[in-house]
Amino acid sequence: DDTVKTMPRADPKPNLMPIFARLDELTRGLPK
């Protein structure tokens, strides 16, 4: 959320892919 909020004024634009990858990995690690 914090990173997305910086995007309108960021140059270069931040790479969100590492955050999405981390979220996917953490989600896979949640217990049943």
PDB file of all heavy atoms in Angstrom:
ATOM      1  N   ASP A   1       0.828  -1.205   0.000  1.00  0.00           N
ATOM      2  CA  ASP A   1       0.000   0.000   0.000  1.00  0.00           C
ATOM      3  C   ASP A   1       0.865   1.258   0.000  1.00  0.00           C
ATOM      4  O   ASP A   1       0.617   2.187  -0.777  1.00  0.00           O
ATOM      5  CB  ASP A   1      -0.928  -0.017   1.215  1.00  0.00           C
ATOM      6  CG  ASP A   1      -1.936   1.108   1.187  1.00  0.00           C
ATOM      7  OD1 ASP A   1      -2.607   1.302   0.164  1.00  0.00           O
ATOM      8  OD2 ASP A   1      -2.045   1.816   2.216  1.00  0.00           O
ATOM      9  N   ASP A   2       1.881   1.285   0.856  1.00  0.00           N
ATOM     10  CA  ASP A   2       2.766   2.446   0.913  1.00  0.00           C
ATOM     11  C   ASP A   2       3.494   2.662  -0.409  1.00  0.00           C
ATOM     12  O   ASP A   2       3.647   3.802  -0.869  1.00  0.00           O
ATOM     13  CB  ASP A   2       3.791   2.292   2.045  1.00  0.00           C
ATOM     14  CG  ASP A   2       3.171   2.378   3.433  1.00  0.00           C
ATOM     15  OD1 ASP A   2       2.014   2.849   3.554  1.00  0.00           O
ATOM     16  OD2 ASP A   2       3.837   1.964   4.401  1.00  0.00           O
ATOM     17  N   THR A   3       3.940   1.586  -1.026  1.00  0.00           N
ATOM     18  CA  THR A   3       4.665   1.679  -2.295  1.00  0.00           C
ATOM     19  C   THR A   3       3.745   2.169  -3.412  1.00  0.00           C
ATOM     20  O   THR A   3       4.133   3.027  -4.213  1.00  0.00           O
ATOM     21  CB  THR A   3       5.283   0.316  -2.658  1.00  0.00           C
ATOM     22  OG1 THR A   3       6.119  -0.119  -1.582  1.00  0.00           O
ATOM     23  CG2 THR A   3       6.110   0.417  -3.926  1.00  0.00           C
ATOM     24  N   VAL A   4       2.534   1.645  -3.463  1.00  0.00           N
ATOM     25  CA  VAL A   4       1.579   2.068  -4.498  1.00  0.00           C
ATOM     26  C   VAL A   4       1.284   3.560  -4.361  1.00  0.00           C
ATOM     27  O   VAL A   4       1.165   4.272  -5.366  1.00  0.00           O
ATOM     28  CB  VAL A   4       0.289   1.219  -4.421  1.00  0.00           C
ATOM     29  CG1 VAL A   4      -0.823   1.841  -5.237  1.00  0.00           C
ATOM     30  CG2 VAL A   4       0.573  -0.202  -4.882  1.00  0.00           C
ATOM     31  N   LYS A   5       1.203   4.050  -3.146  1.00  0.00           N
ATOM     32  CA  LYS A   5       0.908   5.472  -2.924  1.00  0.00           C
ATOM     33  C   LYS A   5       2.022   6.385  -3.449  1.00  0.00           C
ATOM     34  O   LYS A   5       1.769   7.547  -3.751  1.00  0.00           O
ATOM     35  CB  LYS A   5       0.667   5.743  -1.443  1.00  0.00           C
ATOM     36  CG  LYS A   5      -0.661   5.220  -0.965  1.00  0.00           C
ATOM     37  CD  LYS A   5      -0.832   5.427   0.524  1.00  0.00           C
ATOM     38  CE  LYS A   5      -2.165   4.868   0.994  1.00  0.00           C
ATOM     39  NZ  LYS A   5      -2.291   4.866   2.454  1.00  0.00           N
ATOM     40  N   THR A   6       3.234   5.868  -3.580  1.00  0.00           N
ATOM     41  CA  THR A   6       4.353   6.680  -4.093  1.00  0.00           C
ATOM     42  C   THR A   6       4.404   6.711  -5.615  1.00  0.00           C
ATOM     43  O   THR A   6       5.115   7.534  -6.189  1.00  0.00           O
ATOM     44  CB  THR A   6       5.714   6.161  -3.578  1.00  0.00           C
ATOM     45  OG1 THR A   6       6.009   4.906  -4.191  1.00  0.00           O
ATOM     46  CG2 THR A   6       5.757   6.050  -2.071  1.00  0.00           C
ATOM     47  N   MET A   7       3.674   5.839  -6.263  1.00  0.00           N
ATOM     48  CA  MET A   7       3.804   5.669  -7.715  1.00  0.00           C
ATOM     49  C   MET A   7       3.519   6.926  -8.539  1.00  0.00           C
ATOM     50  O   MET A   7       4.238   7.168  -9.511  1.00  0.00           O
ATOM     51  CB  MET A   7       2.969   4.501  -8.191  1.00  0.00           C
ATOM     52  CG  MET A   7       3.536   3.177  -7.698  1.00  0.00           C
ATOM     53  SD  MET A   7       2.736   1.746  -8.374  1.00  0.00           S
ATOM     54  CE  MET A   7       3.504   1.678  -9.984  1.00  0.00           C
ATOM     55  N   PRO A   8       2.532   7.734  -8.195  1.00  0.00           N
ATOM     56  CA  PRO A   8       2.270   8.901  -9.043  1.00  0.00           C
ATOM     57  C   PRO A   8       3.468   9.854  -9.174  1.00  0.00           C
ATOM     58  O   PRO A   8       3.633  10.502 -10.198  1.00  0.00           O
ATOM     59  CB  PRO A   8       1.104   9.601  -8.349  1.00  0.00           C
ATOM     60  CG  PRO A   8       0.423   8.539  -7.571  1.00  0.00           C
ATOM     61  CD  PRO A   8       1.525   7.602  -7.137  1.00  0.00           C
ATOM     62  N   ARG A   9       4.300   9.912  -8.162  1.00  0.00           N
ATOM     63  CA  ARG A   9       5.422  10.847  -8.213  1.00  0.00           C
ATOM     64  C   ARG A   9       6.791  10.167  -8.325  1.00  0.00           C
ATOM     65  O   ARG A   9       7.815  10.833  -8.397  1.00  0.00           O
ATOM     66  CB  ARG A   9       5.379  11.770  -6.996  1.00  0.00           C
ATOM     67  CG  ARG A   9       5.552  11.075  -5.672  1.00  0.00           C
ATOM     68  CD  ARG A   9       5.338  12.018  -4.483  1.00  0.00           C
ATOM     69  NE  ARG A   9       5.511  11.336  -3.230  1.00  0.00           N
ATOM     70  CZ  ARG A   9       4.639  10.517  -2.654  1.00  0.00           C
ATOM     71  NH1 ARG A   9       3.507  10.255  -3.254  1.00  0.00           N
ATOM     72  NH2 ARG A   9       4.896   9.956  -1.502  1.00  0.00           N
ATOM     73  N   ALA A  10       6.793   8.837  -8.357  1.00  0.00           N
ATOM     74  CA  ALA A  10       8.053   8.093  -8.405  1.00  0.00           C
ATOM     75  C   ALA A  10       8.612   8.035  -9.823  1.00  0.00           C
ATOM     76  O   ALA A  10       7.883   7.848 -10.781  1.00  0.00           O
ATOM     77  CB  ALA A  10       7.851   6.684  -7.878  1.00  0.00           C
ATOM     78  N   ASP A  11       9.917   8.216  -9.913  1.00  0.00           N
ATOM     79  CA  ASP A  11      10.603   8.082 -11.189  1.00  0.00           C
ATOM     80  C   ASP A  11      12.009   7.569 -10.913  1.00  0.00           C
ATOM     81  O   ASP A  11      12.814   8.311 -10.363  1.00  0.00           O
ATOM     82  CB  ASP A  11      10.650   9.413 -11.928  1.00  0.00           C
ATOM     83  CG  ASP A  11      11.223   9.275 -13.333  1.00  0.00           C
ATOM     84  OD1 ASP A  11      11.114   8.178 -13.904  1.00  0.00           O
ATOM     85  OD2 ASP A  11      11.777  10.265 -13.826  1.00  0.00           O
ATOM     86  N   PRO A  12      12.294   6.343 -11.196  1.00  0.00           N
ATOM     87  CA  PRO A  12      11.488   5.365 -11.908  1.00  0.00           C
ATOM     88  C   PRO A  12      10.402   4.777 -10.997  1.00  0.00           C
ATOM     89  O   PRO A  12      10.466   4.887  -9.781  1.00  0.00           O
ATOM     90  CB  PRO A  12      12.496   4.287 -12.308  1.00  0.00           C
ATOM     91  CG  PRO A  12      13.519   4.333 -11.235  1.00  0.00           C
ATOM     92  CD  PRO A  12      13.610   5.800 -10.842  1.00  0.00           C
ATOM     93  N   LYS A  13       9.421   4.154 -11.621  1.00  0.00           N
ATOM     94  CA  LYS A  13       8.330   3.523 -10.889  1.00  0.00           C
ATOM     95  C   LYS A  13       8.870   2.331 -10.105  1.00  0.00           C
ATOM     96  O   LYS A  13       9.730   1.589 -10.590  1.00  0.00           O
ATOM     97  CB  LYS A  13       7.217   3.047 -11.837  1.00  0.00           C
ATOM     98  CG  LYS A  13       6.594   4.161 -12.660  1.00  0.00           C
ATOM     99  CD  LYS A  13       5.837   5.130 -11.788  1.00  0.00           C
ATOM    100  CE  LYS A  13       5.140   6.182 -12.624  1.00  0.00           C
ATOM    101  NZ  LYS A  13       4.902   7.415 -11.930  1.00  0.00           N
ATOM    102  N   PRO A  14       8.368   2.127  -8.887  1.00  0.00           N
ATOM    103  CA  PRO A  14       8.837   0.984  -8.101  1.00  0.00           C
ATOM    104  C   PRO A  14       8.376  -0.344  -8.705  1.00  0.00           C
ATOM    105  O   PRO A  14       7.337  -0.412  -9.357  1.00  0.00           O
ATOM    106  CB  PRO A  14       8.196   1.214  -6.730  1.00  0.00           C
ATOM    107  CG  PRO A  14       7.053   2.119  -6.958  1.00  0.00           C
ATOM    108  CD  PRO A  14       7.386   2.937  -8.183  1.00  0.00           C
ATOM    109  N   ASN A  15       9.169  -1.353  -8.485  1.00  0.00           N
ATOM    110  CA  ASN A  15       8.854  -2.696  -8.959  1.00  0.00           C
ATOM    111  C   ASN A  15       8.029  -3.397  -7.875  1.00  0.00           C
ATOM    112  O   ASN A  15       8.539  -3.693  -6.794  1.00  0.00           O
ATOM    113  CB  ASN A  15      10.143  -3.465  -9.245  1.00  0.00           C
ATOM    114  CG  ASN A  15       9.890  -4.851  -9.773  1.00  0.00           C
ATOM    115  OD1 ASN A  15       8.750  -5.254  -9.989  1.00  0.00           O
ATOM    116  ND2 ASN A  15      10.955  -5.600  -9.976  1.00  0.00           N
ATOM    117  N   LEU A  16       6.782  -3.663  -8.161  1.00  0.00           N
ATOM    118  CA  LEU A  16       5.892  -4.301  -7.188  1.00  0.00           C
ATOM    119  C   LEU A  16       6.003  -5.822  -7.195  1.00  0.00           C
ATOM    120  O   LEU A  16       5.514  -6.490  -6.278  1.00  0.00           O
ATOM    121  CB  LEU A  16       4.440  -3.899  -7.463  1.00  0.00           C
ATOM    122  CG  LEU A  16       4.131  -2.404  -7.400  1.00  0.00           C
ATOM    123  CD1 LEU A  16       2.675  -2.157  -7.770  1.00  0.00           C
ATOM    124  CD2 LEU A  16       4.434  -1.835  -6.032  1.00  0.00           C
ATOM    125  N   MET A  17       6.635  -6.379  -8.209  1.00  0.00           N
ATOM    126  CA  MET A  17       6.695  -7.839  -8.355  1.00  0.00           C
ATOM    127  C   MET A  17       7.314  -8.539  -7.143  1.00  0.00           C
ATOM    128  O   MET A  17       6.797  -9.584  -6.728  1.00  0.00           O
ATOM    129  CB  MET A  17       7.414  -8.224  -9.639  1.00  0.00           C
ATOM    130  CG  MET A  17       6.654  -7.811 -10.907  1.00  0.00           C
ATOM    131  SD  MET A  17       4.893  -8.265 -10.926  1.00  0.00           S
ATOM    132  CE  MET A  17       5.038 -10.035 -11.001  1.00  0.00           C
ATOM    133  N   PRO A  18       8.377  -8.027  -6.534  1.00  0.00           N
ATOM    134  CA  PRO A  18       8.910  -8.715  -5.351  1.00  0.00           C
ATOM    135  C   PRO A  18       7.920  -8.757  -4.188  1.00  0.00           C
ATOM    136  O   PRO A  18       7.868  -9.748  -3.462  1.00  0.00           O
ATOM    137  CB  PRO A  18      10.152  -7.895  -4.990  1.00  0.00           C
ATOM    138  CG  PRO A  18      10.550  -7.216  -6.250  1.00  0.00           C
ATOM    139  CD  PRO A  18       9.259  -6.944  -6.971  1.00  0.00           C
ATOM    140  N   ILE A  19       7.117  -7.722  -4.040  1.00  0.00           N
ATOM    141  CA  ILE A  19       6.125  -7.715  -2.966  1.00  0.00           C
ATOM    142  C   ILE A  19       5.041  -8.741  -3.273  1.00  0.00           C
ATOM    143  O   ILE A  19       4.634  -9.513  -2.393  1.00  0.00           O
ATOM    144  CB  ILE A  19       5.519  -6.309  -2.772  1.00  0.00           C
ATOM    145  CG1 ILE A  19       6.615  -5.289  -2.448  1.00  0.00           C
ATOM    146  CG2 ILE A  19       4.466  -6.330  -1.664  1.00  0.00           C
ATOM    147  CD1 ILE A  19       6.143  -3.843  -2.421  1.00  0.00           C
ATOM    148  N   PHE A  20       4.576  -8.781  -4.527  1.00  0.00           N
ATOM    149  CA  PHE A  20       3.572  -9.776  -4.907  1.00  0.00           C
ATOM    150  C   PHE A  20       4.116 -11.191  -4.728  1.00  0.00           C
ATOM    151  O   PHE A  20       3.402 -12.087  -4.245  1.00  0.00           O
ATOM    152  CB  PHE A  20       3.115  -9.576  -6.349  1.00  0.00           C
ATOM    153  CG  PHE A  20       2.310  -8.328  -6.571  1.00  0.00           C
ATOM    154  CD1 PHE A  20       2.572  -7.506  -7.648  1.00  0.00           C
ATOM    155  CD2 PHE A  20       1.280  -7.970  -5.710  1.00  0.00           C
ATOM    156  CE1 PHE A  20       1.825  -6.356  -7.873  1.00  0.00           C
ATOM    157  CE2 PHE A  20       0.528  -6.819  -5.924  1.00  0.00           C
ATOM    158  CZ  PHE A  20       0.803  -6.012  -7.007  1.00  0.00           C
ATOM    159  N   ALA A  21       5.365 -11.416  -5.083  1.00  0.00           N
ATOM    160  CA  ALA A  21       5.980 -12.743  -4.936  1.00  0.00           C
ATOM    161  C   ALA A  21       6.062 -13.130  -3.459  1.00  0.00           C
ATOM    162  O   ALA A  21       5.788 -14.287  -3.096  1.00  0.00           O
ATOM    163  CB  ALA A  21       7.361 -12.764  -5.581  1.00  0.00           C
ATOM    164  N   ARG A  22       6.435 -12.174  -2.609  1.00  0.00           N
ATOM    165  CA  ARG A  22       6.512 -12.444  -1.172  1.00  0.00           C
ATOM    166  C   ARG A  22       5.125 -12.780  -0.622  1.00  0.00           C
ATOM    167  O   ARG A  22       4.966 -13.716   0.172  1.00  0.00           O
ATOM    168  CB  ARG A  22       7.103 -11.248  -0.427  1.00  0.00           C
ATOM    169  CG  ARG A  22       7.318 -11.514   1.044  1.00  0.00           C
ATOM    170  CD  ARG A  22       8.007 -10.381   1.813  1.00  0.00           C
ATOM    171  NE  ARG A  22       8.754  -9.463   1.002  1.00  0.00           N
ATOM    172  CZ  ARG A  22       8.455  -8.163   0.855  1.00  0.00           C
ATOM    173  NH1 ARG A  22       7.439  -7.625   1.478  1.00  0.00           N
ATOM    174  NH2 ARG A  22       9.199  -7.385   0.104  1.00  0.00           N
ATOM    175  N   LEU A  23       4.103 -12.030  -1.046  1.00  0.00           N
ATOM    176  CA  LEU A  23       2.744 -12.306  -0.583  1.00  0.00           C
ATOM    177  C   LEU A  23       2.294 -13.701  -1.022  1.00  0.00           C
ATOM    178  O   LEU A  23       1.681 -14.433  -0.236  1.00  0.00           O
ATOM    179  CB  LEU A  23       1.779 -11.240  -1.098  1.00  0.00           C
ATOM    180  CG  LEU A  23       1.831  -9.917  -0.353  1.00  0.00           C
ATOM    181  CD1 LEU A  23       1.122  -8.815  -1.146  1.00  0.00           C
ATOM    182  CD2 LEU A  23       1.222 -10.059   1.034  1.00  0.00           C
ATOM    183  N   ASP A  24       2.607 -14.077  -2.247  1.00  0.00           N
ATOM    184  CA  ASP A  24       2.258 -15.419  -2.730  1.00  0.00           C
ATOM    185  C   ASP A  24       2.950 -16.491  -1.892  1.00  0.00           C
ATOM    186  O   ASP A  24       2.337 -17.487  -1.492  1.00  0.00           O
ATOM    187  CB  ASP A  24       2.634 -15.588  -4.202  1.00  0.00           C
ATOM    188  CG  ASP A  24       1.721 -14.826  -5.144  1.00  0.00           C
ATOM    189  OD1 ASP A  24       0.612 -14.429  -4.724  1.00  0.00           O
ATOM    190  OD2 ASP A  24       2.123 -14.623  -6.306  1.00  0.00           O
ATOM    191  N   GLU A  25       4.235 -16.284  -1.614  1.00  0.00           N
ATOM    192  CA  GLU A  25       4.999 -17.257  -0.821  1.00  0.00           C
ATOM    193  C   GLU A  25       4.449 -17.359   0.600  1.00  0.00           C
ATOM    194  O   GLU A  25       4.260 -18.457   1.130  1.00  0.00           O
ATOM    195  CB  GLU A  25       6.474 -16.853  -0.792  1.00  0.00           C
ATOM    196  CG  GLU A  25       7.334 -17.808   0.002  1.00  0.00           C
ATOM    197  CD  GLU A  25       8.800 -17.383   0.030  1.00  0.00           C
ATOM    198  OE1 GLU A  25       9.230 -16.624  -0.850  1.00  0.00           O
ATOM    199  OE2 GLU A  25       9.486 -17.824   0.963  1.00  0.00           O
ATOM    200  N   LEU A  26       4.177 -16.211   1.215  1.00  0.00           N
ATOM    201  CA  LEU A  26       3.635 -16.220   2.575  1.00  0.00           C
ATOM    202  C   LEU A  26       2.253 -16.870   2.612  1.00  0.00           C
ATOM    203  O   LEU A  26       1.930 -17.610   3.549  1.00  0.00           O
ATOM    204  CB  LEU A  26       3.572 -14.794   3.131  1.00  0.00           C
ATOM    205  CG  LEU A  26       4.910 -14.137   3.458  1.00  0.00           C
ATOM    206  CD1 LEU A  26       4.732 -12.638   3.693  1.00  0.00           C
ATOM    207  CD2 LEU A  26       5.547 -14.805   4.674  1.00  0.00           C
ATOM    208  N   THR A  27       1.454 -16.619   1.597  1.00  0.00           N
ATOM    209  CA  THR A  27       0.119 -17.216   1.530  1.00  0.00           C
ATOM    210  C   THR A  27       0.216 -18.738   1.421  1.00  0.00           C
ATOM    211  O   THR A  27      -0.520 -19.457   2.102  1.00  0.00           O
ATOM    212  CB  THR A  27      -0.674 -16.630   0.344  1.00  0.00           C
ATOM    213  OG1 THR A  27      -0.834 -15.221   0.546  1.00  0.00           O
ATOM    214  CG2 THR A  27      -2.039 -17.276   0.212  1.00  0.00           C
ATOM    215  N   ARG A  28       1.138 -19.213   0.598  1.00  0.00           N
ATOM    216  CA  ARG A  28       1.324 -20.670   0.458  1.00  0.00           C
ATOM    217  C   ARG A  28       1.754 -21.306   1.774  1.00  0.00           C
ATOM    218  O   ARG A  28       1.474 -22.473   2.021  1.00  0.00           O
ATOM    219  CB  ARG A  28       2.351 -20.992  -0.628  1.00  0.00           C
ATOM    220  CG  ARG A  28       1.831 -20.856  -2.032  1.00  0.00           C
ATOM    221  CD  ARG A  28       2.794 -21.437  -3.059  1.00  0.00           C
ATOM    222  NE  ARG A  28       4.079 -20.779  -3.076  1.00  0.00           N
ATOM    223  CZ  ARG A  28       4.371 -19.665  -3.766  1.00  0.00           C
ATOM    224  NH1 ARG A  28       3.434 -19.103  -4.503  1.00  0.00           N
ATOM    225  NH2 ARG A  28       5.567 -19.138  -3.723  1.00  0.00           N
ATOM    226  N   GLY A  29       2.414 -20.531   2.634  1.00  0.00           N
ATOM    227  CA  GLY A  29       2.913 -21.059   3.899  1.00  0.00           C
ATOM    228  C   GLY A  29       1.909 -21.032   5.045  1.00  0.00           C
ATOM    229  O   GLY A  29       2.213 -21.486   6.142  1.00  0.00           O
ATOM    230  N   LEU A  30       0.711 -20.529   4.783  1.00  0.00           N
ATOM    231  CA  LEU A  30      -0.298 -20.494   5.845  1.00  0.00           C
ATOM    232  C   LEU A  30      -0.772 -21.910   6.164  1.00  0.00           C
ATOM    233  O   LEU A  30      -0.919 -22.742   5.261  1.00  0.00           O
ATOM    234  CB  LEU A  30      -1.490 -19.634   5.422  1.00  0.00           C
ATOM    235  CG  LEU A  30      -1.254 -18.126   5.438  1.00  0.00           C
ATOM    236  CD1 LEU A  30      -2.406 -17.401   4.741  1.00  0.00           C
ATOM    237  CD2 LEU A  30      -1.086 -17.613   6.865  1.00  0.00           C
ATOM    238  N   PRO A  31      -1.059 -22.183   7.427  1.00  0.00           N
ATOM    239  CA  PRO A  31      -1.547 -23.519   7.778  1.00  0.00           C
ATOM    240  C   PRO A  31      -2.952 -23.779   7.227  1.00  0.00           C
ATOM    241  O   PRO A  31      -3.688 -22.840   6.919  1.00  0.00           O
ATOM    242  CB  PRO A  31      -1.558 -23.505   9.313  1.00  0.00           C
ATOM    243  CG  PRO A  31      -1.515 -22.079   9.713  1.00  0.00           C
ATOM    244  CD  PRO A  31      -0.890 -21.314   8.583  1.00  0.00           C
ATOM    245  N   LYS A  32      -3.305 -25.036   7.129  1.00  0.00           N
ATOM    246  CA  LYS A  32      -4.600 -25.436   6.566  1.00  0.00           C
ATOM    247  C   LYS A  32      -5.773 -24.916   7.391  1.00  0.00           C
ATOM    248  O   LYS A  32      -6.864 -24.737   6.861  1.00  0.00           O
ATOM    249  CB  LYS A  32      -4.675 -26.954   6.465  1.00  0.00           C
ATOM    250  CG  LYS A  32      -3.609 -27.557   5.582  1.00  0.00           C
ATOM    251  CD  LYS A  32      -4.219 -28.138   4.347  1.00  0.00           C
ATOM    252  CE  LYS A  32      -3.175 -28.868   3.535  1.00  0.00           C
ATOM    253  NZ  LYS A  32      -2.727 -28.120   2.415  1.00  0.00           N
TER     254      LYS A  32
END
